[in-house]
């Protein structure tokens, strides 16, 4: 995936209040902390395996696999916001950025992103 894949940014300018920025920073820190902990538990096993009952394989390329959580849990942030968005999990090795990986996992083309 080349960096110049799209020439026009499909998103408009985003203005956030100080409270919104603080909330997003808190969300980001919690997200990273929780996922590093999950990652360390996953690789801590002698032979990590994906639980096929919890994760559905949605995409494979070379030695990389992307899974979608089958039954998303209702999660609550530290400030009480509830979400039920499914999680993704990727195993294997891929070359590129996290943005490249997430875009490729969810949207094969710019048109499908819209």
C-alpha atoms as a PDB file:
ATOM      1  CA  UNK A   1       0.000   0.000   0.000  1.00  0.00           C
ATOM      2  CA  UNK A   2       1.631   3.216  -1.126  1.00  0.00           C
ATOM      3  CA  UNK A   3       1.497   6.419   0.844  1.00  0.00           C
ATOM      4  CA  UNK A   4       0.036   8.295  -2.131  1.00  0.00           C
ATOM      5  CA  UNK A   5      -2.918   5.918  -2.540  1.00  0.00           C
ATOM      6  CA  UNK A   6      -5.459   8.724  -2.091  1.00  0.00           C
ATOM      7  CA  UNK A   7      -4.907  12.274  -3.274  1.00  0.00           C
ATOM      8  CA  UNK A   8      -7.930  13.924  -1.659  1.00  0.00           C
ATOM      9  CA  UNK A   9      -8.688  13.774   2.058  1.00  0.00           C
ATOM     10  CA  UNK A  10     -12.347  12.661   2.291  1.00  0.00           C
ATOM     11  CA  UNK A  11     -12.750  14.172   5.780  1.00  0.00           C
ATOM     12  CA  UNK A  12     -13.478  17.784   6.709  1.00  0.00           C
ATOM     13  CA  UNK A  13     -11.780  19.829   9.423  1.00  0.00           C
ATOM     14  CA  UNK A  14     -12.468  18.565  12.954  1.00  0.00           C
ATOM     15  CA  UNK A  15     -12.801  21.023  15.839  1.00  0.00           C
ATOM     16  CA  UNK A  16     -12.724  19.653  19.376  1.00  0.00           C
ATOM     17  CA  UNK A  17     -13.325  21.327  22.711  1.00  0.00           C
ATOM     18  CA  UNK A  18     -10.768  20.989  25.501  1.00  0.00           C
ATOM     19  CA  UNK A  19     -13.079  18.507  27.248  1.00  0.00           C
ATOM     20  CA  UNK A  20     -13.376  16.433  24.055  1.00  0.00           C
ATOM     21  CA  UNK A  21      -9.590  16.421  23.643  1.00  0.00           C
ATOM     22  CA  UNK A  22      -9.109  15.338  27.268  1.00  0.00           C
ATOM     23  CA  UNK A  23     -11.731  12.601  26.834  1.00  0.00           C
ATOM     24  CA  UNK A  24     -10.028  11.300  23.703  1.00  0.00           C
ATOM     25  CA  UNK A  25      -6.636  11.304  25.436  1.00  0.00           C
ATOM     26  CA  UNK A  26      -8.141   9.309  28.324  1.00  0.00           C
ATOM     27  CA  UNK A  27      -9.748   6.899  25.860  1.00  0.00           C
ATOM     28  CA  UNK A  28      -6.431   6.473  24.031  1.00  0.00           C
ATOM     29  CA  UNK A  29      -4.469   5.746  27.209  1.00  0.00           C
ATOM     30  CA  UNK A  30      -7.059   3.212  28.412  1.00  0.00           C
ATOM     31  CA  UNK A  31      -7.190   1.593  24.981  1.00  0.00           C
ATOM     32  CA  UNK A  32      -3.414   1.196  24.807  1.00  0.00           C
ATOM     33  CA  UNK A  33      -3.084  -0.064  28.398  1.00  0.00           C
ATOM     34  CA  UNK A  34      -5.829  -2.674  27.955  1.00  0.00           C
ATOM     35  CA  UNK A  35      -4.523  -3.929  24.628  1.00  0.00           C
ATOM     36  CA  UNK A  36      -0.894  -4.160  25.732  1.00  0.00           C
ATOM     37  CA  UNK A  37      -2.085  -6.280  28.650  1.00  0.00           C
ATOM     38  CA  UNK A  38      -4.086  -8.544  26.277  1.00  0.00           C
ATOM     39  CA  UNK A  39      -1.116  -8.799  23.914  1.00  0.00           C
ATOM     40  CA  UNK A  40       1.251  -9.780  26.724  1.00  0.00           C
ATOM     41  CA  UNK A  41      -1.179 -12.482  27.899  1.00  0.00           C
ATOM     42  CA  UNK A  42      -1.556 -13.767  24.311  1.00  0.00           C
ATOM     43  CA  UNK A  43       2.176 -14.037  23.612  1.00  0.00           C
ATOM     44  CA  UNK A  44       2.872 -15.312  27.130  1.00  0.00           C
ATOM     45  CA  UNK A  45       1.453 -18.715  26.209  1.00  0.00           C
ATOM     46  CA  UNK A  46       4.020 -21.187  24.898  1.00  0.00           C
ATOM     47  CA  UNK A  47       2.014 -21.552  21.649  1.00  0.00           C
ATOM     48  CA  UNK A  48      -0.528 -18.737  21.334  1.00  0.00           C
ATOM     49  CA  UNK A  49      -3.782 -19.838  19.724  1.00  0.00           C
ATOM     50  CA  UNK A  50      -6.788 -17.862  18.576  1.00  0.00           C
ATOM     51  CA  UNK A  51     -10.044 -18.895  20.253  1.00  0.00           C
ATOM     52  CA  UNK A  52     -12.248 -19.648  17.223  1.00  0.00           C
ATOM     53  CA  UNK A  53     -15.372 -19.396  19.391  1.00  0.00           C
ATOM     54  CA  UNK A  54     -14.555 -15.785  20.281  1.00  0.00           C
ATOM     55  CA  UNK A  55     -12.900 -14.626  17.035  1.00  0.00           C
ATOM     56  CA  UNK A  56     -14.124 -14.873  13.426  1.00  0.00           C
ATOM     57  CA  UNK A  57     -11.484 -14.884  10.671  1.00  0.00           C
ATOM     58  CA  UNK A  58     -12.374 -12.085   8.229  1.00  0.00           C
ATOM     59  CA  UNK A  59      -9.239 -11.609   6.134  1.00  0.00           C
ATOM     60  CA  UNK A  60      -6.017 -13.468   5.318  1.00  0.00           C
ATOM     61  CA  UNK A  61      -2.997 -12.306   3.361  1.00  0.00           C
ATOM     62  CA  UNK A  62       0.320 -14.156   3.326  1.00  0.00           C
ATOM     63  CA  UNK A  63       1.091 -14.951   6.991  1.00  0.00           C
ATOM     64  CA  UNK A  64      -1.269 -12.307   8.398  1.00  0.00           C
ATOM     65  CA  UNK A  65      -4.769 -12.955   9.675  1.00  0.00           C
ATOM     66  CA  UNK A  66      -7.398 -10.453  10.830  1.00  0.00           C
ATOM     67  CA  UNK A  67     -10.175 -11.529  13.194  1.00  0.00           C
ATOM     68  CA  UNK A  68     -13.387  -9.825  14.319  1.00  0.00           C
ATOM     69  CA  UNK A  69     -14.874 -10.395  17.761  1.00  0.00           C
ATOM     70  CA  UNK A  70     -17.975 -12.586  17.342  1.00  0.00           C
ATOM     71  CA  UNK A  71     -20.071 -11.309  20.273  1.00  0.00           C
ATOM     72  CA  UNK A  72     -18.875  -7.846  21.305  1.00  0.00           C
ATOM     73  CA  UNK A  73     -19.000  -7.200  25.028  1.00  0.00           C
ATOM     74  CA  UNK A  74     -20.456  -4.012  26.418  1.00  0.00           C
ATOM     75  CA  UNK A  75     -17.433  -2.083  27.639  1.00  0.00           C
ATOM     76  CA  UNK A  76     -17.470   0.874  30.026  1.00  0.00           C
ATOM     77  CA  UNK A  77     -14.801   3.586  30.030  1.00  0.00           C
ATOM     78  CA  UNK A  78     -13.464   5.140  33.222  1.00  0.00           C
ATOM     79  CA  UNK A  79     -15.934   8.019  32.868  1.00  0.00           C
ATOM     80  CA  UNK A  80     -18.924   5.688  32.425  1.00  0.00           C
ATOM     81  CA  UNK A  81     -19.387   5.707  28.633  1.00  0.00           C
ATOM     82  CA  UNK A  82     -20.658   2.338  27.364  1.00  0.00           C
ATOM     83  CA  UNK A  83     -19.754   0.927  23.954  1.00  0.00           C
ATOM     84  CA  UNK A  84     -20.452  -2.354  22.214  1.00  0.00           C
ATOM     85  CA  UNK A  85     -18.105  -1.965  19.253  1.00  0.00           C
ATOM     86  CA  UNK A  86     -16.442  -5.240  18.256  1.00  0.00           C
ATOM     87  CA  UNK A  87     -12.705  -5.602  18.591  1.00  0.00           C
ATOM     88  CA  UNK A  88     -10.309  -6.618  15.833  1.00  0.00           C
ATOM     89  CA  UNK A  89      -7.288  -8.837  16.351  1.00  0.00           C
ATOM     90  CA  UNK A  90      -4.435  -9.300  13.901  1.00  0.00           C
ATOM     91  CA  UNK A  91      -1.866 -12.085  14.077  1.00  0.00           C
ATOM     92  CA  UNK A  92       1.228 -12.618  11.985  1.00  0.00           C
ATOM     93  CA  UNK A  93       3.646 -10.194  10.389  1.00  0.00           C
ATOM     94  CA  UNK A  94       2.794  -7.426   7.958  1.00  0.00           C
ATOM     95  CA  UNK A  95       4.772  -4.537   6.521  1.00  0.00           C
ATOM     96  CA  UNK A  96       3.345  -1.027   6.629  1.00  0.00           C
ATOM     97  CA  UNK A  97       1.706   1.266   9.139  1.00  0.00           C
ATOM     98  CA  UNK A  98      -1.104   0.539  11.568  1.00  0.00           C
ATOM     99  CA  UNK A  99      -3.259   2.870   9.446  1.00  0.00           C
ATOM    100  CA  UNK A 100      -2.523   0.741   6.362  1.00  0.00           C
ATOM    101  CA  UNK A 101      -3.471  -2.408   8.264  1.00  0.00           C
ATOM    102  CA  UNK A 102      -6.736  -1.063   9.665  1.00  0.00           C
ATOM    103  CA  UNK A 103      -7.799   0.467   6.371  1.00  0.00           C
ATOM    104  CA  UNK A 104      -7.071  -2.777   4.525  1.00  0.00           C
ATOM    105  CA  UNK A 105      -8.894  -4.867   7.131  1.00  0.00           C
ATOM    106  CA  UNK A 106     -12.064  -2.822   6.954  1.00  0.00           C
ATOM    107  CA  UNK A 107     -12.195  -1.199   3.499  1.00  0.00           C
ATOM    108  CA  UNK A 108     -10.637  -2.596   0.336  1.00  0.00           C
ATOM    109  CA  UNK A 109     -11.268   0.676  -1.585  1.00  0.00           C
ATOM    110  CA  UNK A 110     -11.874   4.371  -0.939  1.00  0.00           C
ATOM    111  CA  UNK A 111     -15.360   3.974  -2.401  1.00  0.00           C
ATOM    112  CA  UNK A 112     -16.283   1.335   0.175  1.00  0.00           C
ATOM    113  CA  UNK A 113     -15.029   3.643   2.937  1.00  0.00           C
ATOM    114  CA  UNK A 114     -17.664   6.231   1.984  1.00  0.00           C
END
